[in-house]
Amino acid sequence: MKSSLARRGGLLAAVVASFVLAGAAPASAAPGDGSAYGVKVDVKLLGQQAVKAGPLAAANTAGPTSTSLAKVDLTGVLTAGAVNTEAKRDENSGAVTAKASTADVGLPLLKAALGDVGIKVVEAVCTATQKGVEGSTKLVGANLGSVGKVDATPAANTQIKVGLGALNVATIILNEQVKNQDGSLTVNAVHVKLLGEGLNALGSGDVVVSSATCGPAAPPMPLASGAGLWIGLGLLGAVALPVGTRIYRRRAAQA
């Protein structure tokens, strides 16, 4: 009789254990994603064939998580030196970080309107944590020709109108931040939009230099995995075993 009661007590302890551990784990959710690239071009300059390239040096949390490119040369549109990108997810905290850095950037497509345009380093960063999603842009040695120097850490969505004669032919957006429908954030450090208007138009299309997208963050590590497993087992010892012991004692007294 005692052996049978002991087995029943052990079975109840196992059932309680399953409820404790199930309650400790959060609801399942897709992990946070992140991506980055150095250069993307899709333009048609006046009187020339369309130029499409990129995204170049693309990285993604699904892999490859980091990418490098030694040089970019798109004649008449953009030149650049080294490009380095990364997109990584911390499996414990769920945090996602995406970063793109492009060196020695030149924009000959704006030469007719602004003269020589050059930026030593163009960097975009996006970080997603359990607190939210944030992005930033850093420009080192930025000189936009006749526009002059610009802030090294421009405010989000800073716009610079580019004119040729009496017409606006382009818009330069610095630290462009786009909130996507899925909750992620895209940071384009430099985005040149050619407006394609009038006889003096430079052309039409877009040029993006250093882009990072991330978020929202993934859920943190479930309690019932890794170190959290031992915490769950500790709760089991505190709750399940005393219950089994009490049942055994009551049934034994009745016998």
Foldseek 3Di string as FASTA:
>chain_A
DLVVLLVVLVVQLVVVLVVLQVVQFDDDDDAKKKKKAFKFWWWDFPPHDTDTDDSHQMAMQVDPQKGKDAWDDDPQAKTWGIKIWGWHADQAFLKIKIKIKIAWMWGNLCCQFFNTWTWGMWMKMWIAGPVAIDIWIATHPGQRHNVGDDDRTDDEFDWDFTDDPPDGFKIKTAQHWDQDPVRKIKTFRIKIAGPADDPPHRTGTMMTGIMMMIDNGGHHDGLCDDPSVVVSVVVSVVPSNVVSVVSSVVVVVVD
